[in-house]
Amino acid sequence: MSINLKEMVRERIKKTSLYWKTWVITAVTILITIGLFFLIFSLFATRFLENNQQKKFDQTSQLIFRSVETEGINQKVLDNYMIAGYNVFISYNEQLIYPEYAEISFNSAIQSSELDEGQEAAEIGDTVMIEPQIDGNIDQIETVGLFQTIPLMNQQTIAYQGIPYLVEIMYPATVNQEEIKGVFYSIIPYFIVIGLLVSSVISVIYARYFSRKITRLNRTVHSMSTSSEPMTYEAMPGDELQDLENSVHHMYQELQFTLQKLNQEMSTVKRLEEDRQVFMRGATHELKTPIMAMTTMLEGMMAQVEGYEDHDHYLQACYTRLQSMSRLVNEMLEVSRIESVMFSGQMELKKATEEVIEIYSYMLEDKEIQLETRHLTSGLVHIPKRNLQKVLSNLVGNAVKYTPTQGKLVIVSNDQEWQIRNQVKNVQQLKEANIFAPFVSFETECNSEFEKSHGLGLYIVDTILTQYGYHYSWEVNEVTGEFIFRIKLN
C-alpha cells in the first residue's frame, strides 16, 4: 500500500508543471527560514536578555555599594534608585534602617505598599517594571511573553566610617523597547546566515533536479546528432521539461522517417537514372541498326550496285523497318510519359482483363491457343484505366506471342492476386535473362519484321506497377515448362 502511495505521489510530482514546482519550493524555503529564525530567536532572546539584565544590575549594584561606602545612607541618591525600580535595603545588626527611617517620596511610598501587597507593575516613563513579591519567596520566576522574568538580587557588607552595613539590592527583570531592538539587531546576522544556508541547500537540490533532466536531454540530443539509427521511445507525462523531451524524440522519429523516405526516393531516382541510361543506350542501338541497314540499301539502289536491282523488294524492306522504328519511338514516348507523370484513377480488374483478351482474340485463334480464365475478380485496382490496360496488354501479348501453337494460356484472379501462366519453349533462357530490362527479347515463331518485339513490354509493366505501389513476382516452372507472372492485389 505504501509503495503504491509513493508511486502515486511520484507520478503526481512528475506531472506537476514547473510553475507550481517553483512556487512550492520558494514557499517551503521561506517557511523553513522563518521557522528556524523564530526557533533560534526564542532560544537566543531569553539568554540575551538575562545576560543584559544581569550586567546592568551588576553595574548599578556596584554604584549603590560605592555610594554607601563613600556617602553613607544618602537618602536622595537611594530614593532615586528606588524610583528607578531597584529595591535597596540597608540594615545594621539585623535592624532595617533604610528605608524604614527614610522619607521616601509619594511614588516610593506607593511602590513600597504595593511591594508589601504582592507583585505589580509600575510604569515610569517608557520603562515597565515587574516587581516580585517579597514575602520571602524571592526565588519566584515569572514569565512575560517569550521571556522569563527572574528577580535579581545582590548583597554586600559595606563599612562606612567603621560601621558595617548590610546592603541588599533586589531588581525585578524588565523588558523594554531598547532591549527588544537589541535582540533583533543581534539576531539579524544569524537570520541572514540561516536564510543563506536553507536557500543554498534547497537550491542545490532543485538545481540537481533540473540539471539531471537537462543533462539527460542533452545526451539524448547528442546521441541523435551522432547516430542515424532509429531510437525507440515511449512518451511519458510530466512537466514542461518532460514535454520538451517528448517533443525532441517525436521530432527525431519524424526526421528519421523523413530521412528513410528521402533515402528511398534517392535510391529510386538513382535506379531510374541508371535505367534511363540503359534505356537510352538500348534505344540508340535499336534505332541505329535499322537506320544503317536502310542507308546501305538505299545507297546500293542509288549507285546501282549489283544485287540491289530489285528496287521494289528493298523499298518494301525499308518501309517495314520504318514501321518498326515508328512503333519503337511510340513505345519510348509511352515509357517517358509513364515515368514523368503519375495519373490517379481506378478500374475494375475483371473488366480490364476481358477487354484485353478481346483485343488478342484473333491472335489466340490464329495460333490455336487454349485460353482458360478462372474466378476473375470484380475488385477495383487503383491504377488509371490506360495504364492498367497497358500492363495487362503487355502481359497477355507476351503470353500469346511466346506460347507455342496449340499451347495453353491460363488467367486466374482472386482477392489476393492476379496471375497469368503460359507455356514457353526457351525455359532456361528465360531463367538466366533479366527479362524486365529494356530491349530484352527472345525469338518467336513470328518471322515478320513488323511484329518483332523491341523488348519494352515487361519494362513498362515493371515501371507502372512500381509507380503505383503494386508488388509482383514471376517464376519459370521447368517441370511444366510454364512462365508464371503474379500481381499482388492487397
Protein backbone atom coordinates (compact mmCIF):
# COMPACT_ATOMS: atom_id res chain seq x y z
CA MET A 1 0.00 0.00 0.00
CA SER A 2 2.81 2.41 0.96
CA ILE A 3 4.71 1.55 -2.24
CA ASN A 4 1.64 2.32 -4.36
CA LEU A 5 1.16 5.58 -2.49
CA LYS A 6 4.79 6.54 -3.11
CA GLU A 7 4.43 5.75 -6.79
CA MET A 8 1.26 7.82 -6.99
CA VAL A 9 2.96 10.77 -5.27
CA ARG A 10 5.99 10.43 -7.54
CA GLU A 11 3.85 10.38 -10.67
CA ARG A 12 1.90 13.36 -9.38
CA ILE A 13 5.11 15.32 -8.82
CA LYS A 14 6.31 14.43 -12.31
CA LYS A 15 3.10 15.71 -13.86
CA THR A 16 3.18 18.99 -11.89
CA SER A 17 4.19 21.98 -14.00
CA LEU A 18 7.42 23.89 -13.40
CA TYR A 19 5.42 26.95 -12.31
CA TRP A 20 3.89 25.15 -9.33
CA LYS A 21 7.10 23.29 -8.52
CA THR A 22 8.99 26.59 -8.34
CA TRP A 23 6.21 28.17 -6.29
CA VAL A 24 6.20 25.30 -3.78
CA ILE A 25 10.00 25.27 -3.48
CA THR A 26 10.06 29.04 -2.88
CA ALA A 27 7.27 28.86 -0.29
CA VAL A 28 8.93 25.95 1.52
CA THR A 29 12.25 27.83 1.58
CA ILE A 30 10.61 30.92 3.10
CA LEU A 31 8.65 28.90 5.67
CA ILE A 32 11.68 26.88 6.76
CA THR A 33 13.77 30.04 7.07
CA ILE A 34 11.12 31.82 9.13
CA GLY A 35 10.57 28.76 11.31
CA LEU A 36 14.26 28.39 12.05
CA PHE A 37 14.52 32.12 12.74
CA PHE A 38 11.75 32.04 15.35
CA LEU A 39 13.19 28.90 16.89
CA ILE A 40 16.60 30.48 17.31
CA PHE A 41 15.05 33.78 18.40
CA SER A 42 13.03 32.10 21.12
CA LEU A 43 16.14 30.34 22.41
CA PHE A 44 18.58 33.18 21.97
CA ALA A 45 16.44 36.13 23.08
CA THR A 46 15.92 34.88 26.63
CA ARG A 47 19.61 34.28 27.16
CA PHE A 48 20.47 37.66 25.70
CA LEU A 49 18.01 39.48 27.95
CA GLU A 50 19.17 37.58 31.01
CA ASN A 51 22.79 38.44 30.34
CA ASN A 52 21.94 42.05 29.58
CA GLN A 53 19.79 42.43 32.72
CA GLN A 54 22.44 40.77 34.90
CA LYS A 55 25.16 43.03 33.52
CA LYS A 56 23.05 46.13 34.03
CA PHE A 57 22.07 45.01 37.54
CA ASP A 58 25.71 44.32 38.48
CA GLN A 59 26.81 47.74 37.29
CA THR A 60 24.05 49.51 39.20
CA SER A 61 24.71 47.41 42.30
CA GLN A 62 28.36 48.48 42.28
CA LEU A 63 27.29 52.12 42.02
CA ILE A 64 24.97 51.73 45.03
CA PHE A 65 27.65 49.93 47.04
CA ARG A 66 30.18 52.65 46.20
CA SER A 67 27.67 55.37 47.12
CA VAL A 68 27.02 53.81 50.55
CA GLU A 69 30.74 53.29 51.05
CA THR A 70 31.61 56.93 50.31
CA GLU A 71 28.48 58.84 51.31
CA GLY A 72 26.74 56.58 53.73
CA ILE A 73 22.95 56.49 53.71
CA ASN A 74 22.28 59.28 51.23
CA GLN A 75 18.50 59.30 51.12
CA LYS A 76 18.29 61.39 47.95
CA VAL A 77 20.55 59.10 45.98
CA LEU A 78 18.97 55.93 47.31
CA ASP A 79 15.47 57.28 46.69
CA ASN A 80 16.39 57.80 43.03
CA TYR A 81 17.44 54.17 42.77
CA MET A 82 14.21 53.12 44.47
CA ILE A 83 12.21 55.17 41.99
CA ALA A 84 14.17 53.53 39.15
CA GLY A 85 12.92 50.15 40.38
CA TYR A 86 15.82 49.00 42.48
CA ASN A 87 14.74 47.85 45.94
CA VAL A 88 17.56 48.82 48.31
CA PHE A 89 17.54 47.59 51.92
CA ILE A 90 20.21 48.63 54.45
CA SER A 91 20.40 47.03 57.84
CA TYR A 92 22.68 47.20 60.85
CA ASN A 93 22.83 44.43 63.45
CA GLU A 94 19.82 42.80 61.68
CA GLN A 95 17.82 46.01 62.12
CA LEU A 96 16.41 47.64 58.97
CA ILE A 97 17.49 51.24 58.96
CA TYR A 98 16.64 52.02 55.32
CA PRO A 99 14.04 52.65 54.05
CA GLU A 100 12.35 52.45 57.46
CA TYR A 101 13.75 55.81 58.69
CA ALA A 102 13.88 57.47 55.25
CA GLU A 103 11.40 59.92 53.88
CA ILE A 104 10.54 58.43 50.60
CA SER A 105 8.57 60.34 48.01
CA PHE A 106 4.93 59.66 47.40
CA ASN A 107 5.66 57.42 44.47
CA SER A 108 8.13 55.41 46.52
CA ALA A 109 5.59 55.01 49.31
CA ILE A 110 3.06 53.69 46.85
CA GLN A 111 5.65 51.29 45.46
CA SER A 112 6.52 50.10 48.98
CA SER A 113 2.87 49.48 49.83
CA GLU A 114 2.37 47.68 46.56
CA LEU A 115 5.52 45.77 47.24
CA ASP A 116 4.01 44.53 50.54
CA GLU A 117 0.72 43.61 48.86
CA GLY A 118 2.23 41.49 46.08
CA GLN A 119 3.51 41.57 42.54
CA GLU A 120 2.66 44.62 40.48
CA ALA A 121 3.97 46.68 37.57
CA ALA A 122 4.81 50.37 37.93
CA GLU A 123 5.26 52.33 34.73
CA ILE A 124 7.89 55.02 34.86
CA GLY A 125 8.42 56.78 31.52
CA ASP A 126 8.97 54.11 28.91
CA THR A 127 10.25 51.54 31.44
CA VAL A 128 7.97 48.67 32.52
CA MET A 129 8.91 47.28 35.95
CA ILE A 130 7.77 43.87 37.12
CA GLU A 131 8.02 43.78 40.91
CA PRO A 132 8.03 40.39 42.58
CA GLN A 133 6.52 39.52 45.86
CA ILE A 134 8.99 39.92 48.70
CA ASP A 135 7.25 37.85 51.32
CA GLY A 136 10.25 35.61 51.50
CA ASN A 137 9.73 33.75 48.24
CA ILE A 138 12.31 35.74 46.39
CA ASP A 139 13.21 32.89 44.02
CA GLN A 140 9.86 33.04 42.19
CA ILE A 141 10.16 33.25 38.40
CA GLU A 142 7.57 34.99 36.24
CA THR A 143 7.04 34.64 32.51
CA VAL A 144 6.11 37.53 30.23
CA GLY A 145 5.54 36.56 26.55
CA LEU A 146 8.62 34.74 25.27
CA PHE A 147 10.78 35.95 28.16
CA GLN A 148 11.27 34.65 31.69
CA THR A 149 11.38 37.30 34.44
CA ILE A 150 13.84 36.41 37.22
CA PRO A 151 14.27 38.66 40.31
CA LEU A 152 17.91 39.74 40.52
CA MET A 153 19.50 40.04 43.96
CA ASN A 154 22.84 41.14 45.32
CA GLN A 155 24.10 41.88 48.84
CA GLN A 156 27.34 43.05 50.34
CA THR A 157 28.62 44.30 53.72
CA ILE A 158 29.86 47.89 53.36
CA ALA A 159 31.85 49.67 56.04
CA TYR A 160 31.18 53.35 56.33
CA GLN A 161 33.21 55.25 58.95
CA GLY A 162 33.95 51.94 60.61
CA ILE A 163 30.29 50.92 60.86
CA PRO A 164 29.40 47.72 58.90
CA TYR A 165 26.14 47.97 56.95
CA LEU A 166 24.49 45.05 55.16
CA VAL A 167 23.28 46.38 51.82
CA GLU A 168 20.73 44.18 49.94
CA ILE A 169 19.62 45.08 46.43
CA MET A 170 16.81 43.44 44.50
CA TYR A 171 15.72 44.26 40.99
CA PRO A 172 12.90 42.60 39.00
CA ALA A 173 13.86 41.76 35.40
CA THR A 174 12.29 44.20 32.97
CA VAL A 175 11.74 44.22 29.21
CA ASN A 176 11.73 47.49 27.28
CA GLN A 177 11.79 48.53 23.64
CA GLU A 178 15.50 49.20 23.55
CA GLU A 179 16.30 45.72 24.78
CA ILE A 180 13.92 44.14 22.25
CA LYS A 181 15.57 46.15 19.47
CA GLY A 182 18.93 44.99 20.69
CA VAL A 183 17.78 41.39 20.49
CA PHE A 184 16.57 41.81 16.92
CA TYR A 185 19.73 43.62 15.84
CA SER A 186 21.89 40.91 17.34
CA ILE A 187 19.87 38.13 15.66
CA ILE A 188 19.89 39.68 12.16
CA PRO A 189 23.30 38.13 11.22
CA TYR A 190 22.07 34.73 12.35
CA PHE A 191 18.89 35.20 10.34
CA ILE A 192 20.91 36.05 7.24
CA VAL A 193 23.17 33.02 7.72
CA ILE A 194 20.18 30.72 8.25
CA GLY A 195 18.44 32.08 5.16
CA LEU A 196 21.58 31.58 3.07
CA LEU A 197 22.09 28.03 4.33
CA VAL A 198 18.46 26.98 3.80
CA SER A 199 18.32 28.64 0.37
CA SER A 200 21.63 27.06 -0.63
CA VAL A 201 20.58 23.54 0.39
CA ILE A 202 17.18 23.74 -1.32
CA SER A 203 18.70 25.46 -4.37
CA VAL A 204 21.29 22.69 -4.73
CA ILE A 205 18.58 20.02 -4.55
CA TYR A 206 16.38 21.86 -7.04
CA ALA A 207 19.33 22.64 -9.34
CA ARG A 208 20.37 18.97 -9.36
CA TYR A 209 16.83 18.01 -10.27
CA PHE A 210 16.85 20.34 -13.28
CA SER A 211 20.46 19.60 -14.15
CA ARG A 212 19.77 15.86 -14.24
CA LYS A 213 16.87 16.34 -16.64
CA ILE A 214 18.71 18.82 -18.87
CA THR A 215 21.84 16.65 -18.92
CA ARG A 216 19.78 13.61 -19.92
CA LEU A 217 18.10 15.63 -22.66
CA ASN A 218 21.48 16.93 -23.82
CA ARG A 219 22.89 13.38 -24.01
CA THR A 220 19.85 12.31 -25.97
CA VAL A 221 20.25 15.17 -28.46
CA HIS A 222 23.98 14.43 -28.78
CA SER A 223 23.22 10.76 -29.41
CA MET A 224 20.68 11.77 -32.03
CA SER A 225 23.21 14.03 -33.77
CA THR A 226 25.90 11.33 -33.94
CA SER A 227 23.75 8.32 -34.78
CA SER A 228 21.49 7.55 -37.69
CA GLU A 229 19.92 4.52 -36.06
CA PRO A 230 16.24 4.80 -35.08
CA MET A 231 15.60 5.15 -31.33
CA THR A 232 12.65 3.56 -29.61
CA TYR A 233 10.96 5.90 -27.15
CA GLU A 234 7.65 5.98 -25.34
CA ALA A 235 6.28 9.41 -24.47
CA MET A 236 5.73 9.98 -20.75
CA PRO A 237 3.56 12.57 -18.98
CA GLY A 238 5.32 15.19 -16.90
CA ASP A 239 6.29 18.83 -16.58
CA GLU A 240 7.47 21.21 -19.29
CA LEU A 241 10.94 19.63 -19.44
CA GLN A 242 9.39 16.19 -19.93
CA ASP A 243 7.17 17.63 -22.68
CA LEU A 244 10.29 19.07 -24.30
CA GLU A 245 11.99 15.66 -24.18
CA ASN A 246 8.90 14.04 -25.69
CA SER A 247 8.86 16.66 -28.46
CA VAL A 248 12.56 16.14 -29.20
CA HIS A 249 12.09 12.38 -29.52
CA HIS A 250 8.99 12.87 -31.66
CA MET A 251 10.89 15.29 -33.89
CA TYR A 252 13.78 12.83 -34.16
CA GLN A 253 11.43 9.99 -35.12
CA GLU A 254 9.78 12.20 -37.73
CA LEU A 255 13.23 13.19 -39.01
CA GLN A 256 14.28 9.55 -39.20
CA PHE A 257 11.13 8.70 -41.10
CA THR A 258 11.73 11.60 -43.47
CA LEU A 259 15.37 10.57 -43.98
CA GLN A 260 14.36 6.98 -44.68
CA LYS A 261 11.79 8.19 -47.15
CA LEU A 262 14.35 10.52 -48.72
CA ASN A 263 16.88 7.70 -48.99
CA GLN A 264 14.29 5.51 -50.62
CA GLU A 265 13.44 8.27 -53.06
CA MET A 266 17.13 8.86 -53.76
CA SER A 267 17.60 5.15 -54.37
CA THR A 268 14.59 5.15 -56.64
CA VAL A 269 15.85 8.21 -58.53
CA LYS A 270 19.30 6.64 -58.83
CA ARG A 271 17.79 3.40 -60.12
CA LEU A 272 15.59 5.29 -62.56
CA GLU A 273 18.58 7.28 -63.77
CA GLU A 274 20.56 4.08 -64.30
CA ASP A 275 17.57 2.53 -66.07
CA ARG A 276 17.26 5.66 -68.19
CA GLN A 277 20.88 5.41 -69.24
CA VAL A 278 20.47 1.73 -70.10
CA PHE A 279 17.25 2.60 -71.88
CA MET A 280 18.91 5.34 -73.94
CA ARG A 281 21.80 3.06 -74.88
CA GLY A 282 19.36 0.35 -75.92
CA ALA A 283 17.18 2.81 -77.82
CA THR A 284 20.19 4.19 -79.61
CA HIS A 285 21.22 0.69 -80.61
CA GLU A 286 17.67 -0.28 -81.67
CA LEU A 287 17.37 2.82 -83.85
CA LYS A 288 20.92 2.90 -85.17
CA THR A 289 20.91 -0.68 -86.53
CA PRO A 290 17.87 -0.38 -88.84
CA ILE A 291 18.95 3.12 -89.93
CA MET A 292 22.33 1.78 -91.04
CA ALA A 293 20.63 -1.14 -92.83
CA MET A 294 18.23 1.17 -94.67
CA THR A 295 21.06 3.56 -95.55
CA THR A 296 23.06 0.69 -97.03
CA MET A 297 20.09 -0.50 -99.12
CA LEU A 298 19.22 2.99 -100.41
CA GLU A 299 22.86 3.78 -101.29
CA GLY A 300 23.14 0.45 -103.14
CA MET A 301 20.00 1.16 -105.15
CA MET A 302 21.04 4.74 -105.96
CA ALA A 303 24.53 3.61 -107.02
CA GLN A 304 23.02 0.68 -108.97
CA VAL A 305 25.25 -1.73 -107.11
CA GLU A 306 24.96 -5.36 -108.20
CA GLY A 307 22.43 -7.22 -106.09
CA TYR A 308 20.21 -4.19 -105.46
CA GLU A 309 18.42 -4.23 -108.83
CA ASP A 310 15.08 -5.33 -107.28
CA HIS A 311 14.04 -1.91 -106.02
CA ASP A 312 10.54 -2.98 -105.02
CA HIS A 313 11.88 -5.62 -102.68
CA TYR A 314 14.33 -3.31 -100.92
CA LEU A 315 11.86 -0.43 -100.73
CA GLN A 316 9.37 -2.76 -99.05
CA ALA A 317 12.10 -3.84 -96.62
CA CYS A 318 12.89 -0.20 -95.84
CA TYR A 319 9.22 0.57 -95.32
CA THR A 320 8.83 -2.36 -92.91
CA ARG A 321 11.86 -1.25 -90.93
CA LEU A 322 10.49 2.31 -90.77
CA GLN A 323 7.21 1.00 -89.37
CA SER A 324 9.11 -0.98 -86.75
CA MET A 325 11.09 2.11 -85.84
CA SER A 326 7.86 4.11 -85.59
CA ARG A 327 6.47 1.56 -83.13
CA LEU A 328 9.73 1.73 -81.16
CA VAL A 329 9.55 5.52 -80.98
CA ASN A 330 5.94 5.37 -79.82
CA GLU A 331 6.86 2.86 -77.13
CA MET A 332 9.75 5.07 -75.99
CA LEU A 333 7.41 8.04 -75.78
CA GLU A 334 4.96 5.93 -73.77
CA VAL A 335 7.74 4.98 -71.35
CA SER A 336 8.73 8.62 -70.98
CA ARG A 337 5.12 9.62 -70.32
CA ILE A 338 4.67 6.91 -67.68
CA GLU A 339 7.88 7.82 -65.85
CA SER A 340 7.31 11.57 -65.85
CA VAL A 341 3.63 11.82 -64.89
CA MET A 342 1.66 9.80 -62.36
CA PHE A 343 -2.05 9.92 -63.02
CA SER A 344 -4.69 8.91 -60.50
CA GLY A 345 -7.63 6.65 -61.18
CA GLN A 346 -9.00 3.15 -60.76
CA MET A 347 -10.60 0.42 -62.81
CA GLU A 348 -12.34 -2.89 -62.29
CA LEU A 349 -9.81 -5.66 -62.86
CA LYS A 350 -12.25 -8.14 -64.37
CA LYS A 351 -13.47 -5.66 -66.96
CA ALA A 352 -9.91 -4.64 -67.92
CA THR A 353 -8.89 -8.30 -68.30
CA GLU A 354 -11.84 -9.11 -70.53
CA GLU A 355 -11.18 -6.07 -72.75
CA VAL A 356 -7.53 -7.06 -73.25
CA ILE A 357 -8.48 -10.67 -74.02
CA GLU A 358 -10.89 -9.36 -76.65
CA ILE A 359 -8.07 -7.45 -78.34
CA TYR A 360 -5.89 -10.55 -78.63
CA SER A 361 -8.71 -12.94 -79.53
CA TYR A 362 -7.75 -13.10 -83.20
CA MET A 363 -4.13 -14.00 -82.37
CA LEU A 364 -5.38 -16.69 -79.96
CA GLU A 365 -7.48 -18.17 -82.70
CA ASP A 366 -4.71 -17.85 -85.25
CA LYS A 367 -2.26 -19.83 -83.08
CA GLU A 368 -4.99 -22.17 -81.80
CA ILE A 369 -4.06 -21.34 -78.19
CA GLN A 370 -6.34 -22.74 -75.49
CA LEU A 371 -7.32 -19.86 -73.14
CA GLU A 372 -8.63 -20.65 -69.65
CA THR A 373 -9.91 -17.97 -67.22
CA ARG A 374 -10.76 -18.78 -63.60
CA HIS A 375 -12.56 -16.77 -60.96
CA LEU A 376 -11.95 -13.35 -62.44
CA THR A 377 -12.43 -10.96 -59.52
CA SER A 378 -14.51 -7.79 -59.79
CA GLY A 379 -12.35 -5.80 -57.37
CA LEU A 380 -11.02 -2.35 -58.12
CA VAL A 381 -7.36 -1.69 -58.88
CA HIS A 382 -6.05 1.81 -58.10
CA ILE A 383 -4.32 2.28 -61.43
CA PRO A 384 -5.72 4.53 -64.18
CA LYS A 385 -7.53 2.72 -66.98
CA ARG A 386 -4.96 3.44 -69.67
CA ASN A 387 -2.01 2.29 -67.55
CA LEU A 388 -3.81 -0.82 -66.26
CA GLN A 389 -4.76 -1.81 -69.80
CA LYS A 390 -1.15 -1.24 -70.83
CA VAL A 391 0.08 -3.61 -68.09
CA LEU A 392 -2.43 -6.34 -68.90
CA SER A 393 -1.96 -5.88 -72.65
CA ASN A 394 1.81 -6.33 -72.44
CA LEU A 395 1.44 -9.42 -70.22
CA VAL A 396 -1.25 -11.06 -72.36
CA GLY A 397 0.54 -10.01 -75.57
CA ASN A 398 3.82 -11.56 -74.44
CA ALA A 399 1.99 -14.72 -73.34
CA VAL A 400 0.29 -15.04 -76.72
CA LYS A 401 3.48 -14.21 -78.59
CA TYR A 402 5.72 -16.71 -76.75
CA THR A 403 3.17 -19.50 -76.32
CA PRO A 404 3.72 -22.15 -78.99
CA THR A 405 0.96 -23.04 -81.46
CA GLN A 406 -1.84 -25.08 -79.85
CA GLY A 407 -0.38 -24.24 -76.45
CA LYS A 408 -2.25 -23.31 -73.27
CA LEU A 409 -2.68 -19.95 -71.52
CA VAL A 410 -4.33 -19.57 -68.09
CA ILE A 411 -5.52 -16.37 -66.37
CA VAL A 412 -6.61 -16.61 -62.71
CA SER A 413 -7.54 -13.87 -60.26
CA ASN A 414 -8.97 -13.55 -56.76
CA ASP A 415 -8.91 -11.01 -53.95
CA GLN A 416 -5.23 -11.70 -53.29
CA GLU A 417 -3.54 -11.76 -56.69
CA TRP A 418 -3.91 -11.70 -60.47
CA GLN A 419 -1.97 -14.45 -62.26
CA ILE A 420 -1.16 -15.37 -65.83
CA ARG A 421 0.70 -18.51 -66.91
CA ASN A 422 1.62 -19.76 -70.35
CA GLN A 423 3.75 -22.49 -71.92
CA VAL A 424 7.13 -21.44 -73.29
CA LYS A 425 9.92 -23.15 -75.18
CA ASN A 426 13.06 -21.30 -74.05
CA VAL A 427 12.73 -22.06 -70.30
CA GLN A 428 16.43 -21.98 -69.49
CA GLN A 429 16.96 -18.79 -71.46
CA LEU A 430 14.16 -17.07 -69.51
CA LYS A 431 15.65 -18.10 -66.16
CA GLU A 432 19.06 -16.63 -66.97
CA ALA A 433 17.91 -13.36 -68.57
CA ASN A 434 16.88 -10.09 -66.92
CA ILE A 435 13.54 -10.03 -68.65
CA PHE A 436 12.44 -6.70 -67.12
CA ALA A 437 15.40 -4.77 -68.54
CA PRO A 438 14.61 -2.66 -71.60
CA PHE A 439 15.17 -4.08 -75.08
CA VAL A 440 15.41 -7.69 -73.89
CA SER A 441 13.52 -10.01 -76.24
CA PHE A 442 13.58 -13.60 -77.47
CA GLU A 443 12.99 -15.32 -80.78
CA THR A 444 9.37 -16.24 -81.52
CA GLU A 445 7.54 -18.24 -84.12
CA CYS A 446 6.70 -14.96 -85.83
CA ASN A 447 9.18 -14.12 -88.58
CA SER A 448 7.59 -10.81 -89.52
CA GLU A 449 9.88 -7.80 -89.12
CA PHE A 450 6.85 -5.63 -88.25
CA GLU A 451 5.67 -7.90 -85.46
CA LYS A 452 9.13 -8.39 -84.00
CA SER A 453 9.32 -7.35 -80.28
CA HIS A 454 11.53 -4.48 -79.08
CA GLY A 455 11.72 -5.79 -75.52
CA LEU A 456 9.96 -2.87 -73.78
CA GLY A 457 6.77 -4.69 -72.74
CA LEU A 458 7.87 -6.06 -69.35
CA TYR A 459 9.94 -2.92 -68.71
CA ILE A 460 6.74 -0.87 -68.96
CA VAL A 461 4.91 -3.39 -66.74
CA ASP A 462 7.62 -3.04 -64.07
CA THR A 463 7.57 0.77 -64.28
CA ILE A 464 3.79 1.09 -63.90
CA LEU A 465 3.39 -1.46 -61.08
CA THR A 466 6.30 0.02 -59.13
CA GLN A 467 4.98 3.54 -59.62
CA TYR A 468 1.57 2.67 -58.17
CA GLY A 469 2.91 0.51 -55.32
CA TYR A 470 1.84 -2.95 -56.56
CA HIS A 471 4.24 -5.84 -55.93
CA TYR A 472 4.73 -8.61 -58.43
CA SER A 473 6.66 -11.85 -58.79
CA TRP A 474 7.48 -14.29 -61.58
CA GLU A 475 8.91 -17.75 -61.96
CA VAL A 476 9.67 -20.37 -64.60
CA ASN A 477 8.46 -23.88 -63.87
CA GLU A 478 10.88 -26.25 -65.54
CA VAL A 479 8.66 -29.25 -64.86
CA THR A 480 5.58 -27.93 -66.65
CA GLY A 481 7.52 -25.56 -68.93
CA GLU A 482 5.41 -22.59 -67.85
CA PHE A 483 6.15 -18.94 -67.29
CA ILE A 484 4.10 -17.63 -64.32
CA PHE A 485 3.56 -13.95 -63.50
CA ARG A 486 1.68 -12.75 -60.36
CA ILE A 487 0.47 -9.30 -59.30
CA LYS A 488 -0.26 -8.85 -55.58
CA LEU A 489 -3.58 -7.03 -55.14
CA ASN A 490 -3.66 -6.31 -51.38
